[in-house]
Amino acid sequence: MSEDGNSSNTGKISKHVAWWVGVLAGIAGIAALVLTITGGDDFTVEEWAREASAACDALEGEVTENNRVAVQLLAMVEPDGPGDRRDQLAADAWTKLAGSERKITGEMGKIQMPSSRQDTVQSLLEAMNDVSDEDYGLAADLRRLTFDSQSFEKFAKQRNEYVAEVLNHLKTLEVTHCLPGQ
């Protein structure tokens, strides 16, 4: 056979190899797309719970102490009484508590959400913000000297409902480090 015939076979082999490489690359691309669409690499609820628990561990001492001080100072305030320095100290404490609650919410909000429980995580974060909103609201009432027994009862009832909602979501998501006594 001549040199031309030999190069003709080499050209055919090169074309076949190139074709197969192209086909295999296409299959690999399709497989990657399928894995991406089906969530083959999805962030799990367990991973989210582990990271959320770590956020709680990091900030738990701060929130616990701020809560203790806020509750203690609120007990010294006289609803329906004349506003005085106790009201302002309690307002500062409730503002500080609300700020530390927002820190935990912010840290949890940074965690990638598992797509299978995205609604539950979002509801948890909203409920956590509701708790801190109530605490900021109480602080504002104390600063404006409009803290009366009716506003306190309304605050306590609403805050307790939000806290119960937060605790329920935490249990559902198995974030035990944020639960009292855990």
Protein backbone atom coordinates (compact mmCIF):
# COMPACT_ATOMS: atom_id res chain seq x y z
CA MET A 1 0.00 0.00 0.00
CA SER A 2 1.23 3.49 -0.67
CA GLU A 3 1.97 6.16 1.83
CA ASP A 4 -1.25 7.94 0.81
CA GLY A 5 -3.35 4.88 1.70
CA ASN A 6 -1.70 4.65 5.10
CA SER A 7 -2.39 8.29 5.89
CA SER A 8 -5.97 7.82 4.74
CA ASN A 9 -6.49 5.08 7.38
CA THR A 10 -4.84 7.25 10.02
CA GLY A 11 -7.20 10.08 9.15
CA LYS A 12 -10.24 7.79 9.49
CA ILE A 13 -9.03 6.52 12.87
CA SER A 14 -8.43 10.10 14.08
CA LYS A 15 -11.94 11.07 13.00
CA HIS A 16 -13.45 8.08 14.83
CA VAL A 17 -11.46 8.80 18.00
CA ALA A 18 -12.48 12.46 17.85
CA TRP A 19 -16.11 11.42 17.33
CA TRP A 20 -16.03 9.06 20.35
CA VAL A 21 -14.33 11.68 22.52
CA GLY A 22 -17.06 14.13 21.55
CA VAL A 23 -19.80 11.60 22.32
CA LEU A 24 -18.29 10.77 25.72
CA ALA A 25 -17.90 14.46 26.56
CA GLY A 26 -21.54 15.02 25.63
CA ILE A 27 -22.65 12.12 27.84
CA ALA A 28 -20.58 13.46 30.74
CA GLY A 29 -22.16 16.91 30.29
CA ILE A 30 -25.67 15.44 30.28
CA ALA A 31 -24.90 13.39 33.40
CA ALA A 32 -23.63 16.50 35.18
CA LEU A 33 -26.77 18.41 34.18
CA VAL A 34 -29.03 15.61 35.44
CA LEU A 35 -27.20 15.53 38.79
CA THR A 36 -27.53 19.29 39.10
CA ILE A 37 -31.24 19.30 38.27
CA THR A 38 -32.11 16.34 40.50
CA GLY A 39 -30.11 17.74 43.41
CA GLY A 40 -27.57 14.97 43.57
CA ASP A 41 -25.31 17.30 45.52
CA ASP A 42 -28.07 18.91 47.65
CA PHE A 43 -27.37 20.34 51.09
CA THR A 44 -29.17 18.08 53.54
CA VAL A 45 -31.38 18.94 56.50
CA GLU A 46 -28.88 17.19 58.76
CA GLU A 47 -26.05 19.39 57.45
CA TRP A 48 -28.19 22.49 57.94
CA ALA A 49 -29.11 21.43 61.49
CA ARG A 50 -25.45 20.79 62.33
CA GLU A 51 -24.43 24.27 61.14
CA ALA A 52 -27.44 25.92 62.82
CA SER A 53 -26.59 24.17 66.08
CA ALA A 54 -23.03 25.48 65.80
CA ALA A 55 -24.38 29.03 65.38
CA CYS A 56 -26.48 28.55 68.51
CA ASP A 57 -23.50 27.18 70.41
CA ALA A 58 -21.43 30.20 69.45
CA LEU A 59 -24.04 32.76 70.58
CA GLU A 60 -25.99 30.88 73.26
CA GLY A 61 -24.11 32.38 76.20
CA GLU A 62 -24.67 35.92 74.97
CA VAL A 63 -28.39 35.41 74.35
CA THR A 64 -28.91 33.60 77.65
CA GLU A 65 -27.18 36.33 79.64
CA ASN A 66 -28.98 39.12 77.77
CA ASN A 67 -32.30 37.36 78.37
CA ARG A 68 -31.57 36.93 82.09
CA VAL A 69 -30.71 40.63 82.50
CA ALA A 70 -33.68 41.81 80.42
CA VAL A 71 -36.18 39.72 82.37
CA GLN A 72 -34.64 40.77 85.69
CA LEU A 73 -34.78 44.47 84.83
CA LEU A 74 -38.30 44.20 83.44
CA ALA A 75 -39.44 42.76 86.78
CA MET A 76 -38.30 46.01 88.43
CA VAL A 77 -40.40 48.20 86.14
CA GLU A 78 -43.79 49.29 87.43
CA PRO A 79 -46.44 48.98 84.73
CA ASP A 80 -48.78 51.96 84.84
CA GLY A 81 -46.27 53.71 87.13
CA PRO A 82 -44.27 56.82 86.47
CA GLY A 83 -41.43 56.28 84.10
CA ASP A 84 -37.99 56.41 85.66
CA ARG A 85 -34.45 55.16 85.23
CA ARG A 86 -35.59 51.54 85.66
CA ASP A 87 -37.65 51.83 82.48
CA GLN A 88 -34.63 53.08 80.55
CA LEU A 89 -32.32 50.36 81.90
CA ALA A 90 -34.90 47.70 81.02
CA ALA A 91 -35.30 49.24 77.54
CA ASP A 92 -31.55 49.04 76.98
CA ALA A 93 -31.51 45.42 78.14
CA TRP A 94 -34.38 44.41 75.84
CA THR A 95 -32.70 46.19 72.92
CA LYS A 96 -29.49 44.28 73.65
CA LEU A 97 -31.42 40.99 73.85
CA ALA A 98 -33.17 41.68 70.54
CA GLY A 99 -29.80 42.45 68.95
CA SER A 100 -28.29 39.16 70.10
CA GLU A 101 -31.36 37.31 68.85
CA ARG A 102 -30.85 38.95 65.45
CA LYS A 103 -27.25 37.76 65.46
CA ILE A 104 -28.36 34.12 65.68
CA THR A 105 -30.99 34.68 63.02
CA GLY A 106 -28.39 36.29 60.79
CA GLU A 107 -25.93 33.44 61.28
CA MET A 108 -28.63 30.87 60.47
CA GLY A 109 -29.67 32.90 57.45
CA LYS A 110 -26.15 32.57 56.03
CA ILE A 111 -26.37 28.78 55.99
CA GLN A 112 -27.26 27.18 52.68
CA MET A 113 -30.86 25.97 52.91
CA PRO A 114 -31.77 22.40 52.07
CA SER A 115 -34.20 22.58 49.17
CA SER A 116 -36.40 19.90 50.72
CA ARG A 117 -37.06 22.06 53.83
CA GLN A 118 -36.55 25.56 52.51
CA ASP A 119 -40.06 26.66 53.56
CA THR A 120 -39.57 25.39 57.12
CA VAL A 121 -36.18 27.11 57.45
CA GLN A 122 -37.64 30.34 56.06
CA SER A 123 -40.55 30.12 58.52
CA LEU A 124 -38.09 29.58 61.37
CA LEU A 125 -36.07 32.65 60.41
CA GLU A 126 -39.24 34.75 60.14
CA ALA A 127 -40.45 33.56 63.55
CA MET A 128 -37.04 34.36 65.05
CA ASN A 129 -37.28 37.86 63.60
CA ASP A 130 -40.79 38.16 65.04
CA VAL A 131 -39.42 37.41 68.53
CA SER A 132 -36.73 40.06 68.23
CA ASP A 133 -39.27 42.52 66.76
CA GLU A 134 -41.42 42.04 69.86
CA ASP A 135 -38.39 42.63 72.07
CA TYR A 136 -37.48 45.81 70.16
CA GLY A 137 -41.14 46.90 70.49
CA LEU A 138 -41.10 46.38 74.25
CA ALA A 139 -37.89 48.41 74.49
CA ALA A 140 -39.53 51.21 72.50
CA ASP A 141 -42.56 51.21 74.83
CA LEU A 142 -40.27 51.40 77.84
CA ARG A 143 -38.34 54.31 76.32
CA ARG A 144 -41.55 56.19 75.46
CA LEU A 145 -42.81 55.54 78.98
CA THR A 146 -45.95 53.96 77.54
CA PHE A 147 -45.40 50.66 79.31
CA ASP A 148 -48.65 49.74 80.95
CA SER A 149 -50.12 46.50 82.21
CA GLN A 150 -52.18 46.01 79.04
CA SER A 151 -49.19 46.46 76.75
CA PHE A 152 -47.19 44.07 78.91
CA GLU A 153 -49.89 41.38 78.74
CA LYS A 154 -50.15 41.81 74.98
CA PHE A 155 -46.35 41.69 74.63
CA ALA A 156 -46.01 38.59 76.80
CA LYS A 157 -48.76 36.72 74.96
CA GLN A 158 -47.47 37.59 71.46
CA ARG A 159 -43.83 36.91 72.34
CA ASN A 160 -44.71 33.54 73.88
CA GLU A 161 -46.56 32.57 70.68
CA TYR A 162 -43.55 33.50 68.54
CA VAL A 163 -41.15 31.67 70.86
CA ALA A 164 -43.35 28.56 70.70
CA GLU A 165 -43.32 28.79 66.90
CA VAL A 166 -39.51 29.09 66.88
CA LEU A 167 -39.14 26.10 69.22
CA ASN A 168 -41.50 24.03 67.07
CA HIS A 169 -39.49 24.80 63.91
CA LEU A 170 -36.22 24.04 65.72
CA LYS A 171 -37.57 20.65 66.83
CA THR A 172 -38.81 19.90 63.32
CA LEU A 173 -35.40 20.75 61.87
CA GLU A 174 -33.62 18.89 64.72
CA VAL A 175 -31.59 21.91 65.81
CA THR A 176 -31.32 20.74 69.41
CA HIS A 177 -28.55 23.12 70.49
CA CYS A 178 -30.93 26.07 70.32
CA LEU A 179 -33.56 24.41 72.46
CA PRO A 180 -33.71 25.26 76.17
CA GLY A 181 -32.07 22.60 78.33
CA GLN A 182 -30.43 20.82 75.40
